[in-house]
Amino acid sequence: MVGSQDTHLKMELKKLIVETCRKKVAPETISDDAVILGSDSALGLDSLDVLELSVALKTRFGVRIVDSKDALRVMKSINALADAVQPE
């Protein structure tokens, strides 16, 4: 997986999450492998955040999230998200 090796892409994704989901955290403080979904996660993204982020990912990267299982897999962490955006 190429995406998780691309530090520029991961920072771009962190900024996209912070802006899209209106989180008051500095993007550079988000760990690449921390869980980002759920109330006890690093960002505490909820279902509305997932929906908004799905639209942003489709618009920016052409990545389509088809259902909640796909969202849980793709949005597990910044590394997983980067691999989904740039798989090879």
Protein backbone atom coordinates (compact mmCIF):
# COMPACT_ATOMS: atom_id res chain seq x y z
CA MET A 1 0.00 0.00 0.00
CA VAL A 2 1.47 3.26 -1.17
CA GLY A 3 -0.76 5.84 0.53
CA SER A 4 0.38 5.13 4.07
CA GLN A 5 3.96 5.83 2.97
CA ASP A 6 3.10 9.28 1.55
CA THR A 7 3.51 11.86 4.32
CA HIS A 8 2.22 14.71 2.11
CA LEU A 9 -0.99 12.79 1.33
CA LYS A 10 -1.53 11.94 4.99
CA MET A 11 -1.18 15.59 6.00
CA GLU A 12 -3.61 16.56 3.24
CA LEU A 13 -6.10 14.00 4.59
CA LYS A 14 -5.69 15.28 8.14
CA LYS A 15 -6.39 18.83 6.99
CA LEU A 16 -9.41 17.63 5.00
CA ILE A 17 -10.83 15.86 8.07
CA VAL A 18 -10.26 18.86 10.36
CA GLU A 19 -11.84 21.27 7.88
CA THR A 20 -14.72 19.05 6.76
CA CYS A 21 -15.68 17.87 10.24
CA ARG A 22 -14.93 21.22 11.90
CA LYS A 23 -12.62 19.74 14.53
CA LYS A 24 -10.61 22.10 16.70
CA VAL A 25 -7.32 20.22 16.54
CA ALA A 26 -4.10 20.90 14.71
CA PRO A 27 -3.80 18.42 11.82
CA GLU A 28 -0.16 17.69 12.67
CA THR A 29 -1.20 16.40 16.12
CA ILE A 30 -3.27 13.58 14.62
CA SER A 31 -1.42 10.26 14.76
CA ASP A 32 -1.25 8.29 11.52
CA ASP A 33 -2.30 5.03 13.14
CA ALA A 34 -4.78 6.24 15.79
CA VAL A 35 -8.40 5.19 15.41
CA ILE A 36 -10.41 8.15 14.10
CA LEU A 37 -14.01 6.88 14.30
CA GLY A 38 -16.08 6.63 17.46
CA SER A 39 -16.50 8.57 20.67
CA ASP A 40 -13.27 7.28 22.28
CA SER A 41 -11.19 7.77 19.15
CA ALA A 42 -8.57 10.43 18.52
CA LEU A 43 -11.03 12.66 16.63
CA GLY A 44 -14.36 11.29 17.80
CA LEU A 45 -15.87 11.27 14.32
CA ASP A 46 -19.57 10.39 14.39
CA SER A 47 -21.96 9.22 11.67
CA LEU A 48 -22.61 12.75 10.40
CA ASP A 49 -18.85 13.37 10.18
CA VAL A 50 -18.48 10.11 8.24
CA LEU A 51 -21.14 11.21 5.78
CA GLU A 52 -19.56 14.64 5.30
CA LEU A 53 -16.11 13.14 4.96
CA SER A 54 -17.38 10.58 2.44
CA VAL A 55 -18.65 13.40 0.24
CA ALA A 56 -15.36 15.29 0.60
CA LEU A 57 -13.33 12.18 -0.28
CA LYS A 58 -15.49 11.56 -3.36
CA THR A 59 -15.12 15.17 -4.47
CA ARG A 60 -11.39 15.52 -3.79
CA PHE A 61 -10.04 12.04 -4.54
CA GLY A 62 -12.82 10.19 -6.38
CA VAL A 63 -12.99 7.62 -3.56
CA ARG A 64 -16.48 6.22 -3.12
CA ILE A 65 -17.57 4.86 0.27
CA VAL A 66 -20.40 2.41 -0.47
CA ASP A 67 -21.71 1.51 2.99
CA SER A 68 -21.02 1.62 6.72
CA LYS A 69 -18.73 -1.45 6.63
CA ASP A 70 -16.68 0.18 3.91
CA ALA A 71 -16.53 3.42 5.93
CA LEU A 72 -15.32 1.55 9.03
CA ARG A 73 -12.58 -0.12 6.99
CA VAL A 74 -11.48 2.96 5.05
CA MET A 75 -11.72 5.45 7.93
CA LYS A 76 -10.10 3.26 10.56
CA SER A 77 -7.00 5.47 10.69
CA ILE A 78 -5.13 8.03 8.62
CA ASN A 79 -2.91 5.23 7.28
CA ALA A 80 -5.95 3.18 6.19
CA LEU A 81 -7.53 6.25 4.63
CA ALA A 82 -4.32 7.09 2.75
CA ASP A 83 -4.10 3.52 1.43
CA ALA A 84 -7.72 3.71 0.24
CA VAL A 85 -7.07 7.00 -1.55
CA GLN A 86 -3.76 5.91 -3.09
CA PRO A 87 -3.72 2.07 -3.09
CA GLU A 88 -0.73 1.43 -5.36
